[in-house]
C-alpha atoms as a PDB file:
ATOM      1  CA  MET A   1     127.721 115.196  94.918  1.00  0.00           C
ATOM      2  CA  ALA A   2     129.576 112.358  96.648  1.00  0.00           C
ATOM      3  CA  GLY A   3     131.647 114.800  98.678  1.00  0.00           C
ATOM      4  CA  PHE A   4     128.504 116.648  99.704  1.00  0.00           C
ATOM      5  CA  LEU A   5     126.819 113.437 100.874  1.00  0.00           C
ATOM      6  CA  ILE A   6     129.896 112.331 102.849  1.00  0.00           C
ATOM      7  CA  LYS A   7     130.087 115.714 104.545  1.00  0.00           C
ATOM      8  CA  ARG A   8     126.404 115.656 105.465  1.00  0.00           C
ATOM      9  CA  LEU A   9     126.634 112.077 106.747  1.00  0.00           C
ATOM     10  CA  LEU A  10     129.531 113.024 109.019  1.00  0.00           C
ATOM     11  CA  GLN A  11     127.535 115.998 110.293  1.00  0.00           C
ATOM     12  CA  ALA A  12     124.552 113.732 110.866  1.00  0.00           C
ATOM     13  CA  LEU A  13     126.708 111.283 112.826  1.00  0.00           C
ATOM     14  CA  PHE A  14     127.963 114.087 115.051  1.00  0.00           C
ATOM     15  CA  VAL A  15     124.414 115.369 115.639  1.00  0.00           C
ATOM     16  CA  VAL A  16     123.098 111.915 116.567  1.00  0.00           C
ATOM     17  CA  ILE A  17     125.985 111.272 118.995  1.00  0.00           C
ATOM     18  CA  ALA A  18     125.498 114.685 120.590  1.00  0.00           C
ATOM     19  CA  ILE A  19     121.748 114.151 120.993  1.00  0.00           C
ATOM     20  CA  THR A  20     122.065 110.654 122.455  1.00  0.00           C
ATOM     21  CA  LEU A  21     124.785 111.812 124.844  1.00  0.00           C
ATOM     22  CA  LEU A  22     122.666 114.720 126.042  1.00  0.00           C
ATOM     23  CA  VAL A  23     119.543 112.575 126.450  1.00  0.00           C
ATOM     24  CA  SER A  24     121.451 109.815 128.243  1.00  0.00           C
ATOM     25  CA  PHE A  25     122.867 112.331 130.675  1.00  0.00           C
ATOM     26  CA  ALA A  26     119.614 114.280 131.186  1.00  0.00           C
ATOM     27  CA  ILE A  27     117.404 111.274 131.900  1.00  0.00           C
ATOM     28  CA  ARG A  28     119.740 110.153 134.668  1.00  0.00           C
ATOM     29  CA  LEU A  29     119.074 113.446 136.435  1.00  0.00           C
ATOM     30  CA  THR A  30     115.363 112.608 136.757  1.00  0.00           C
ATOM     31  CA  GLY A  31     115.786 109.859 139.351  1.00  0.00           C
ATOM     32  CA  ASP A  32     116.998 106.396 140.125  1.00  0.00           C
ATOM     33  CA  PRO A  33     115.098 103.608 138.291  1.00  0.00           C
ATOM     34  CA  ALA A  34     115.869 101.250 141.181  1.00  0.00           C
ATOM     35  CA  VAL A  35     113.891 103.494 143.542  1.00  0.00           C
ATOM     36  CA  THR A  36     111.073 103.785 141.009  1.00  0.00           C
ATOM     37  CA  MET A  37     110.842 100.005 140.634  1.00  0.00           C
ATOM     38  CA  PHE A  38     110.881  99.482 144.396  1.00  0.00           C
ATOM     39  CA  GLN A  39     108.022 101.894 145.152  1.00  0.00           C
ATOM     40  CA  GLY A  40     105.058 100.157 146.679  1.00  0.00           C
ATOM     41  CA  GLY A  41     107.056  97.055 147.505  1.00  0.00           C
ATOM     42  CA  GLY A  42     107.558  97.724 151.218  1.00  0.00           C
ATOM     43  CA  SER A  43     110.643  98.989 153.019  1.00  0.00           C
ATOM     44  CA  MET A  44     113.895  98.995 151.116  1.00  0.00           C
ATOM     45  CA  THR A  45     117.513  98.969 152.129  1.00  0.00           C
ATOM     46  CA  GLU A  46     120.582 100.200 150.322  1.00  0.00           C
ATOM     47  CA  GLU A  47     121.538  96.574 149.684  1.00  0.00           C
ATOM     48  CA  ASP A  48     118.190  95.990 147.958  1.00  0.00           C
ATOM     49  CA  LEU A  49     118.678  99.032 145.771  1.00  0.00           C
ATOM     50  CA  MET A  50     122.222  98.006 144.918  1.00  0.00           C
ATOM     51  CA  ARG A  51     121.068  94.557 143.794  1.00  0.00           C
ATOM     52  CA  ILE A  52     118.554  96.183 141.440  1.00  0.00           C
ATOM     53  CA  ARG A  53     121.189  98.609 140.110  1.00  0.00           C
ATOM     54  CA  VAL A  54     123.577  95.744 139.414  1.00  0.00           C
ATOM     55  CA  ALA A  55     120.853  93.817 137.616  1.00  0.00           C
ATOM     56  CA  LEU A  56     119.979  96.861 135.496  1.00  0.00           C
ATOM     57  CA  GLY A  57     123.595  97.888 134.909  1.00  0.00           C
ATOM     58  CA  THR A  58     123.080 101.376 136.357  1.00  0.00           C
ATOM     59  CA  ASP A  59     125.758 100.807 138.990  1.00  0.00           C
ATOM     60  CA  GLN A  60     128.435 101.380 136.351  1.00  0.00           C
ATOM     61  CA  PRO A  61     129.871 104.850 135.594  1.00  0.00           C
ATOM     62  CA  PHE A  62     127.867 106.969 133.175  1.00  0.00           C
ATOM     63  CA  PHE A  63     130.330 106.834 130.289  1.00  0.00           C
ATOM     64  CA  VAL A  64     130.612 103.058 130.604  1.00  0.00           C
ATOM     65  CA  GLN A  65     126.833 102.809 130.294  1.00  0.00           C
ATOM     66  CA  TYR A  66     126.832 105.204 127.350  1.00  0.00           C
ATOM     67  CA  MET A  67     129.582 103.323 125.498  1.00  0.00           C
ATOM     68  CA  ASN A  68     127.694 100.066 126.044  1.00  0.00           C
ATOM     69  CA  PHE A  69     124.645 101.746 124.517  1.00  0.00           C
ATOM     70  CA  LEU A  70     126.639 102.867 121.456  1.00  0.00           C
ATOM     71  CA  LYS A  71     128.126  99.383 121.012  1.00  0.00           C
ATOM     72  CA  GLY A  72     124.653  97.900 121.124  1.00  0.00           C
ATOM     73  CA  LEU A  73     123.416 100.515 118.666  1.00  0.00           C
ATOM     74  CA  VAL A  74     126.084  99.533 116.128  1.00  0.00           C
ATOM     75  CA  THR A  75     125.040  95.886 116.385  1.00  0.00           C
ATOM     76  CA  LEU A  76     121.320  96.810 116.448  1.00  0.00           C
ATOM     77  CA  ASP A  77     121.048  95.487 119.991  1.00  0.00           C
ATOM     78  CA  LEU A  78     119.142  98.197 121.848  1.00  0.00           C
ATOM     79  CA  GLY A  79     119.021  96.288 125.101  1.00  0.00           C
ATOM     80  CA  LYS A  80     116.003  95.357 127.184  1.00  0.00           C
ATOM     81  CA  SER A  81     113.411  97.444 128.923  1.00  0.00           C
ATOM     82  CA  PHE A  82     113.821  97.865 132.665  1.00  0.00           C
ATOM     83  CA  ILE A  83     110.094  97.161 132.954  1.00  0.00           C
ATOM     84  CA  GLY A  84     109.335  93.574 132.010  1.00  0.00           C
ATOM     85  CA  GLY A  85     112.624  92.889 130.231  1.00  0.00           C
ATOM     86  CA  THR A  86     111.098  93.165 126.753  1.00  0.00           C
ATOM     87  CA  PRO A  87     113.699  93.755 124.011  1.00  0.00           C
ATOM     88  CA  VAL A  88     113.690  97.438 123.127  1.00  0.00           C
ATOM     89  CA  SER A  89     113.932  96.665 119.408  1.00  0.00           C
ATOM     90  CA  ARG A  90     110.603  94.853 119.655  1.00  0.00           C
ATOM     91  CA  LEU A  91     108.983  97.840 121.397  1.00  0.00           C
ATOM     92  CA  ILE A  92     110.355 100.191 118.737  1.00  0.00           C
ATOM     93  CA  GLY A  93     109.220  97.874 115.958  1.00  0.00           C
ATOM     94  CA  ASP A  94     105.681  97.887 117.359  1.00  0.00           C
ATOM     95  CA  ALA A  95     105.480 101.651 117.974  1.00  0.00           C
ATOM     96  CA  LEU A  96     107.337 103.165 115.008  1.00  0.00           C
ATOM     97  CA  PRO A  97     104.922 102.124 112.214  1.00  0.00           C
ATOM     98  CA  ALA A  98     101.988 103.643 114.123  1.00  0.00           C
ATOM     99  CA  THR A  99     103.776 106.998 114.502  1.00  0.00           C
ATOM    100  CA  LEU A 100     105.021 107.037 110.903  1.00  0.00           C
ATOM    101  CA  MET A 101     101.588 106.270 109.496  1.00  0.00           C
ATOM    102  CA  LEU A 102      99.896 108.936 111.618  1.00  0.00           C
ATOM    103  CA  ALA A 103     102.547 111.541 110.744  1.00  0.00           C
ATOM    104  CA  PHE A 104     102.364 110.667 107.032  1.00  0.00           C
ATOM    105  CA  ILE A 105      98.568 110.931 106.873  1.00  0.00           C
ATOM    106  CA  SER A 106      98.691 114.206 108.836  1.00  0.00           C
ATOM    107  CA  MET A 107     101.151 115.651 106.312  1.00  0.00           C
ATOM    108  CA  ILE A 108      98.961 114.500 103.411  1.00  0.00           C
ATOM    109  CA  VAL A 109      95.962 116.229 105.002  1.00  0.00           C
ATOM    110  CA  SER A 110      97.974 119.395 105.543  1.00  0.00           C
ATOM    111  CA  ILE A 111      99.420 119.503 102.008  1.00  0.00           C
ATOM    112  CA  ALA A 112      96.043 118.711 100.434  1.00  0.00           C
ATOM    113  CA  LEU A 113      94.530 121.667 102.293  1.00  0.00           C
ATOM    114  CA  SER A 114      97.351 124.203 102.345  1.00  0.00           C
ATOM    115  CA  ILE A 115      98.413 124.174  98.664  1.00  0.00           C
ATOM    116  CA  PRO A 116      94.994 124.915  97.086  1.00  0.00           C
ATOM    117  CA  LEU A 117      94.069 127.324  99.897  1.00  0.00           C
ATOM    118  CA  GLY A 118      97.414 129.111  99.657  1.00  0.00           C
ATOM    119  CA  ILE A 119      97.151 129.411  95.868  1.00  0.00           C
ATOM    120  CA  LYS A 120      93.559 130.660  96.131  1.00  0.00           C
ATOM    121  CA  ALA A 121      94.591 133.262  98.707  1.00  0.00           C
ATOM    122  CA  ALA A 122      97.486 134.432  96.508  1.00  0.00           C
ATOM    123  CA  THR A 123      95.346 134.752  93.380  1.00  0.00           C
ATOM    124  CA  SER A 124      92.625 136.564  95.368  1.00  0.00           C
ATOM    125  CA  LYS A 125      94.952 138.946  97.206  1.00  0.00           C
ATOM    126  CA  GLY A 126      93.029 141.592  99.124  1.00  0.00           C
ATOM    127  CA  LYS A 127      89.636 140.063  98.347  1.00  0.00           C
ATOM    128  CA  GLY A 128      87.153 138.476 100.717  1.00  0.00           C
ATOM    129  CA  VAL A 129      88.374 134.945  99.972  1.00  0.00           C
ATOM    130  CA  ASP A 130      91.929 135.935 100.855  1.00  0.00           C
ATOM    131  CA  GLN A 131      90.791 137.511 104.109  1.00  0.00           C
ATOM    132  CA  ALA A 132      88.723 134.440 105.039  1.00  0.00           C
ATOM    133  CA  ILE A 133      91.649 132.077 104.407  1.00  0.00           C
ATOM    134  CA  ARG A 134      94.007 134.270 106.434  1.00  0.00           C
ATOM    135  CA  ILE A 135      91.503 134.363 109.321  1.00  0.00           C
ATOM    136  CA  PHE A 136      91.269 130.564 109.173  1.00  0.00           C
ATOM    137  CA  SER A 137      95.057 130.413 109.304  1.00  0.00           C
ATOM    138  CA  LEU A 138      95.163 132.732 112.314  1.00  0.00           C
ATOM    139  CA  LEU A 139      92.539 130.667 114.142  1.00  0.00           C
ATOM    140  CA  GLY A 140      94.447 127.471 113.402  1.00  0.00           C
ATOM    141  CA  LEU A 141      97.613 128.946 114.895  1.00  0.00           C
ATOM    142  CA  SER A 142      95.655 129.964 118.018  1.00  0.00           C
ATOM    143  CA  PHE A 143      94.202 126.516 118.749  1.00  0.00           C
ATOM    144  CA  PRO A 144      96.299 124.274 121.032  1.00  0.00           C
ATOM    145  CA  ASN A 145      96.447 120.856 119.381  1.00  0.00           C
ATOM    146  CA  PHE A 146      95.232 119.049 122.510  1.00  0.00           C
ATOM    147  CA  TRP A 147      92.180 121.371 122.735  1.00  0.00           C
ATOM    148  CA  LEU A 148      91.250 120.738 119.106  1.00  0.00           C
ATOM    149  CA  ALA A 149      91.726 116.999 119.657  1.00  0.00           C
ATOM    150  CA  LEU A 150      89.411 117.036 122.676  1.00  0.00           C
ATOM    151  CA  MET A 151      86.777 119.055 120.795  1.00  0.00           C
ATOM    152  CA  LEU A 152      86.828 116.566 117.928  1.00  0.00           C
ATOM    153  CA  VAL A 153      86.423 113.672 120.367  1.00  0.00           C
ATOM    154  CA  LEU A 154      83.535 115.481 122.069  1.00  0.00           C
ATOM    155  CA  LEU A 155      81.756 116.154 118.772  1.00  0.00           C
ATOM    156  CA  PHE A 156      82.398 113.094 116.606  1.00  0.00           C
ATOM    157  CA  SER A 157      82.759 110.391 119.273  1.00  0.00           C
ATOM    158  CA  ILE A 158      80.669 111.372 122.274  1.00  0.00           C
ATOM    159  CA  THR A 159      77.931 113.509 120.667  1.00  0.00           C
ATOM    160  CA  LEU A 160      77.547 111.974 117.198  1.00  0.00           C
ATOM    161  CA  GLY A 161      79.139 108.582 117.785  1.00  0.00           C
ATOM    162  CA  TRP A 162      80.644 108.502 114.293  1.00  0.00           C
ATOM    163  CA  LEU A 163      84.301 107.834 115.126  1.00  0.00           C
ATOM    164  CA  PRO A 164      86.167 105.820 117.783  1.00  0.00           C
ATOM    165  CA  PRO A 165      87.424 108.102 120.582  1.00  0.00           C
ATOM    166  CA  SER A 166      90.831 106.440 120.978  1.00  0.00           C
ATOM    167  CA  GLY A 167      93.046 103.553 119.994  1.00  0.00           C
ATOM    168  CA  MET A 168      94.403 102.417 116.667  1.00  0.00           C
ATOM    169  CA  GLY A 169      92.142 100.208 114.615  1.00  0.00           C
ATOM    170  CA  GLY A 170      90.671 100.637 111.158  1.00  0.00           C
ATOM    171  CA  PHE A 171      90.745 103.679 108.904  1.00  0.00           C
ATOM    172  CA  ALA A 172      88.206 105.529 111.068  1.00  0.00           C
ATOM    173  CA  SER A 173      90.639 105.642 113.993  1.00  0.00           C
ATOM    174  CA  TYR A 174      93.108 107.695 111.887  1.00  0.00           C
ATOM    175  CA  ILE A 175      90.659 110.450 110.974  1.00  0.00           C
ATOM    176  CA  MET A 176      90.567 112.555 114.138  1.00  0.00           C
ATOM    177  CA  PRO A 177      94.289 112.402 115.031  1.00  0.00           C
ATOM    178  CA  ALA A 178      95.308 113.092 111.424  1.00  0.00           C
ATOM    179  CA  VAL A 179      92.820 115.937 111.024  1.00  0.00           C
ATOM    180  CA  THR A 180      93.950 117.442 114.332  1.00  0.00           C
ATOM    181  CA  MET A 181      97.589 117.516 113.296  1.00  0.00           C
ATOM    182  CA  GLY A 182      96.755 118.374 109.677  1.00  0.00           C
ATOM    183  CA  VAL A 183      94.658 121.428 110.550  1.00  0.00           C
ATOM    184  CA  ILE A 184      97.286 122.783 112.923  1.00  0.00           C
ATOM    185  CA  LEU A 185      99.987 122.335 110.278  1.00  0.00           C
ATOM    186  CA  THR A 186      97.779 123.831 107.561  1.00  0.00           C
ATOM    187  CA  ALA A 187      97.468 127.071 109.513  1.00  0.00           C
ATOM    188  CA  THR A 188     101.199 127.659 109.035  1.00  0.00           C
ATOM    189  CA  ASN A 189     101.553 126.118 105.596  1.00  0.00           C
ATOM    190  CA  VAL A 190      98.812 128.235 104.033  1.00  0.00           C
ATOM    191  CA  ARG A 191     100.732 131.403 104.868  1.00  0.00           C
ATOM    192  CA  LEU A 192     103.933 129.925 103.464  1.00  0.00           C
ATOM    193  CA  VAL A 193     102.284 128.844 100.191  1.00  0.00           C
ATOM    194  CA  ARG A 194     100.536 132.208  99.842  1.00  0.00           C
ATOM    195  CA  THR A 195     103.747 134.183 100.337  1.00  0.00           C
ATOM    196  CA  ALA A 196     105.746 131.991  97.959  1.00  0.00           C
ATOM    197  CA  MET A 197     103.063 132.171  95.269  1.00  0.00           C
ATOM    198  CA  LEU A 198     102.714 135.952  95.545  1.00  0.00           C
ATOM    199  CA  ASP A 199     106.442 136.352  94.887  1.00  0.00           C
ATOM    200  CA  THR A 200     106.380 133.889  91.991  1.00  0.00           C
ATOM    201  CA  LEU A 201     103.266 135.287  90.291  1.00  0.00           C
ATOM    202  CA  GLN A 202     105.009 138.636  89.889  1.00  0.00           C
ATOM    203  CA  SER A 203     107.808 137.059  87.849  1.00  0.00           C
ATOM    204  CA  GLN A 204     108.226 137.845  84.169  1.00  0.00           C
ATOM    205  CA  TYR A 205     108.012 134.228  82.998  1.00  0.00           C
ATOM    206  CA  ILE A 206     104.524 133.985  84.527  1.00  0.00           C
ATOM    207  CA  MET A 207     103.401 136.912  82.394  1.00  0.00           C
ATOM    208  CA  VAL A 208     104.988 135.259  79.353  1.00  0.00           C
ATOM    209  CA  ALA A 209     103.163 131.993  80.114  1.00  0.00           C
ATOM    210  CA  ARG A 210      99.853 133.833  80.316  1.00  0.00           C
ATOM    211  CA  ALA A 211     100.633 135.733  77.133  1.00  0.00           C
ATOM    212  CA  LYS A 212     101.077 132.394  75.333  1.00  0.00           C
ATOM    213  CA  GLY A 213      97.462 131.587  76.138  1.00  0.00           C
ATOM    214  CA  LEU A 214      98.094 128.851  78.681  1.00  0.00           C
ATOM    215  CA  SER A 215      95.202 128.017  80.977  1.00  0.00           C
ATOM    216  CA  GLU A 216      95.269 129.577  84.422  1.00  0.00           C
ATOM    217  CA  SER A 217      95.474 126.178  86.126  1.00  0.00           C
ATOM    218  CA  LYS A 218      98.535 125.251  84.028  1.00  0.00           C
ATOM    219  CA  VAL A 219     100.163 128.594  84.811  1.00  0.00           C
ATOM    220  CA  LEU A 220      99.544 128.203  88.532  1.00  0.00           C
ATOM    221  CA  TYR A 221     100.295 124.525  89.065  1.00  0.00           C
ATOM    222  CA  LYS A 222     102.854 123.721  86.350  1.00  0.00           C
ATOM    223  CA  HIS A 223     104.892 126.926  86.264  1.00  0.00           C
ATOM    224  CA  ALA A 224     104.320 128.994  89.404  1.00  0.00           C
ATOM    225  CA  LEU A 225     103.985 126.192  91.944  1.00  0.00           C
ATOM    226  CA  ARG A 226     106.973 124.248  90.617  1.00  0.00           C
ATOM    227  CA  ASN A 227     109.223 127.302  90.716  1.00  0.00           C
ATOM    228  CA  CYS A 228     108.322 128.125  94.314  1.00  0.00           C
ATOM    229  CA  ALA A 229     108.611 124.487  95.382  1.00  0.00           C
ATOM    230  CA  ILE A 230     112.089 124.844  96.927  1.00  0.00           C
ATOM    231  CA  PRO A 231     111.002 126.658 100.115  1.00  0.00           C
ATOM    232  CA  LEU A 232     107.878 124.480 100.282  1.00  0.00           C
ATOM    233  CA  ILE A 233     109.836 121.226 100.063  1.00  0.00           C
ATOM    234  CA  THR A 234     112.274 122.507 102.661  1.00  0.00           C
ATOM    235  CA  TYR A 235     109.600 123.454 105.121  1.00  0.00           C
ATOM    236  CA  PHE A 236     107.393 120.408 104.539  1.00  0.00           C
ATOM    237  CA  GLY A 237     110.379 118.114 105.004  1.00  0.00           C
ATOM    238  CA  LEU A 238     111.475 119.782 108.218  1.00  0.00           C
ATOM    239  CA  GLN A 239     107.870 119.859 109.388  1.00  0.00           C
ATOM    240  CA  PHE A 240     107.523 116.109 108.906  1.00  0.00           C
ATOM    241  CA  GLY A 241     110.644 115.590 110.988  1.00  0.00           C
ATOM    242  CA  GLY A 242     109.169 117.798 113.684  1.00  0.00           C
ATOM    243  CA  LEU A 243     105.963 115.783 113.546  1.00  0.00           C
ATOM    244  CA  LEU A 244     107.821 112.608 114.451  1.00  0.00           C
ATOM    245  CA  GLY A 245     109.206 114.174 117.599  1.00  0.00           C
ATOM    246  CA  GLY A 246     106.287 116.401 118.531  1.00  0.00           C
ATOM    247  CA  ILE A 247     103.320 114.094 118.184  1.00  0.00           C
ATOM    248  CA  VAL A 248     103.462 113.012 121.840  1.00  0.00           C
ATOM    249  CA  VAL A 249     100.447 115.054 122.979  1.00  0.00           C
ATOM    250  CA  ILE A 250      98.186 113.805 120.194  1.00  0.00           C
ATOM    251  CA  GLU A 251      99.213 110.205 120.828  1.00  0.00           C
ATOM    252  CA  ARG A 252      98.385 110.583 124.518  1.00  0.00           C
ATOM    253  CA  VAL A 253      94.978 112.170 123.855  1.00  0.00           C
ATOM    254  CA  PHE A 254      93.967 109.441 121.411  1.00  0.00           C
ATOM    255  CA  ASN A 255      95.769 106.626 123.262  1.00  0.00           C
ATOM    256  CA  TRP A 256      97.817 106.004 120.115  1.00  0.00           C
ATOM    257  CA  PRO A 257     100.401 103.199 120.474  1.00  0.00           C
ATOM    258  CA  GLY A 258     103.270 105.133 118.900  1.00  0.00           C
ATOM    259  CA  MET A 259     106.733 106.401 119.707  1.00  0.00           C
ATOM    260  CA  GLY A 260     105.416 109.385 121.641  1.00  0.00           C
ATOM    261  CA  SER A 261     103.442 107.237 124.053  1.00  0.00           C
ATOM    262  CA  LEU A 262     106.395 104.867 124.378  1.00  0.00           C
ATOM    263  CA  ALA A 263     108.745 107.735 125.263  1.00  0.00           C
ATOM    264  CA  PHE A 264     106.221 109.254 127.685  1.00  0.00           C
ATOM    265  CA  ASP A 265     105.864 105.986 129.582  1.00  0.00           C
ATOM    266  CA  ALA A 266     109.651 105.493 129.583  1.00  0.00           C
ATOM    267  CA  VAL A 267     110.210 108.895 131.203  1.00  0.00           C
ATOM    268  CA  GLY A 268     107.766 108.107 133.998  1.00  0.00           C
ATOM    269  CA  ALA A 269     109.347 104.710 134.646  1.00  0.00           C
ATOM    270  CA  ARG A 270     112.968 105.955 134.319  1.00  0.00           C
ATOM    271  CA  ASP A 271     113.360 103.315 131.608  1.00  0.00           C
ATOM    272  CA  TYR A 272     116.733 104.419 130.231  1.00  0.00           C
ATOM    273  CA  PRO A 273     117.134 101.901 127.374  1.00  0.00           C
ATOM    274  CA  VAL A 274     113.688 102.596 125.920  1.00  0.00           C
ATOM    275  CA  LEU A 275     113.967 106.377 126.046  1.00  0.00           C
ATOM    276  CA  GLN A 276     117.503 106.372 124.637  1.00  0.00           C
ATOM    277  CA  ALA A 277     116.408 104.105 121.795  1.00  0.00           C
ATOM    278  CA  VAL A 278     113.311 106.196 120.987  1.00  0.00           C
ATOM    279  CA  ILE A 279     115.280 109.450 120.870  1.00  0.00           C
ATOM    280  CA  THR A 280     118.042 107.845 118.797  1.00  0.00           C
ATOM    281  CA  VAL A 281     115.669 106.356 116.225  1.00  0.00           C
ATOM    282  CA  LEU A 282     113.733 109.625 115.897  1.00  0.00           C
ATOM    283  CA  SER A 283     116.981 111.589 115.606  1.00  0.00           C
ATOM    284  CA  LEU A 284     118.234 109.312 112.838  1.00  0.00           C
ATOM    285  CA  MET A 285     114.973 109.702 110.964  1.00  0.00           C
ATOM    286  CA  ILE A 286     114.906 113.498 111.309  1.00  0.00           C
ATOM    287  CA  VAL A 287     118.519 113.772 110.156  1.00  0.00           C
ATOM    288  CA  GLY A 288     117.736 111.444 107.250  1.00  0.00           C
ATOM    289  CA  ILE A 289     114.751 113.565 106.246  1.00  0.00           C
ATOM    290  CA  ASN A 290     116.913 116.695 106.257  1.00  0.00           C
ATOM    291  CA  LEU A 291     119.401 114.934 103.995  1.00  0.00           C
ATOM    292  CA  LEU A 292     116.645 113.897 101.598  1.00  0.00           C
ATOM    293  CA  VAL A 293     115.406 117.491 101.504  1.00  0.00           C
ATOM    294  CA  ASP A 294     118.869 118.669 100.445  1.00  0.00           C
ATOM    295  CA  ILE A 295     119.007 116.034  97.708  1.00  0.00           C
ATOM    296  CA  ALA A 296     115.522 117.033  96.529  1.00  0.00           C
ATOM    297  CA  TYR A 297     116.802 120.564  95.881  1.00  0.00           C
ATOM    298  CA  GLY A 298     118.798 119.397  92.900  1.00  0.00           C
ATOM    299  CA  LEU A 299     115.961 117.280  91.559  1.00  0.00           C
ATOM    300  CA  VAL A 300     113.478 120.157  91.616  1.00  0.00           C
ATOM    301  CA  ASP A 301     115.804 122.978  90.555  1.00  0.00           C
ATOM    302  CA  PRO A 302     118.860 122.034  88.424  1.00  0.00           C
ATOM    303  CA  ARG A 303     120.385 125.459  89.110  1.00  0.00           C
ATOM    304  CA  ILE A 304     121.400 124.422  92.615  1.00  0.00           C
ATOM    305  CA  ARG A 305     122.651 120.897  91.998  1.00  0.00           C
ATOM    306  CA  THR A 306     125.827 120.198  93.846  1.00  0.00           C
ATOM    307  CA  GLU A 307     128.801 119.185  91.731  1.00  0.00           C
END
């Protein structure tokens, strides 16, 4: 097990370095932050731009800038934002909890919906209930998340006035963003749960469990669901990692002060330190989630524990 963890950690380190290198290089192709900062400030000369580049550190060669970023990352010094000079670690510390909480609640909504719906569809294969659930899944896959978000705002905020249209406040502010992401995720997860349960319910040990007189709920949730949990855990774990990086649109629609909004603003302002830090933190979290998923394999199914 120790050798497996060391190998995966080395792979994770390589992935994070590759991602940060690619992002650091790509963002510098989008434009010069000195020009962006000077816009609207009157005429500019090359000397003016050079003074700004020296102050920002962008006058140095690319690999020098990248190595400085890695050195700061090791010491947890992520630098300062080009806009306002705020420490990047403070910006990340303010934005990360909002994104994590929204992603976590969205996953809870999705799991709470997809597991019972998927099991019901599997146990009602070919019946009207199964068809209705599959149609719901197809509709969920067809809805763009921003369209569903706007429709929820139109209905529950503008028309009914029940929920706040944007911002992060009390519990009510989480409902629409979490439901938006949860419904979209459920559309995929229901199909996955249904397929996994159909394969498991045909197994011989399920027939033995029923022959022993166990209740149907115990057969479904204790035996069948546990034995098809490996693909579910894998997909749910990877899906949560994808949520962290793909929640930008929802955060913009609901004006959510998370990592997605922070990265979006950093791209527009050519704020290299902020964008590099956001991508690095999200990459580390996604890689960590993948590692936890691998470890969970052995906890759920002893047959695949790594020596």
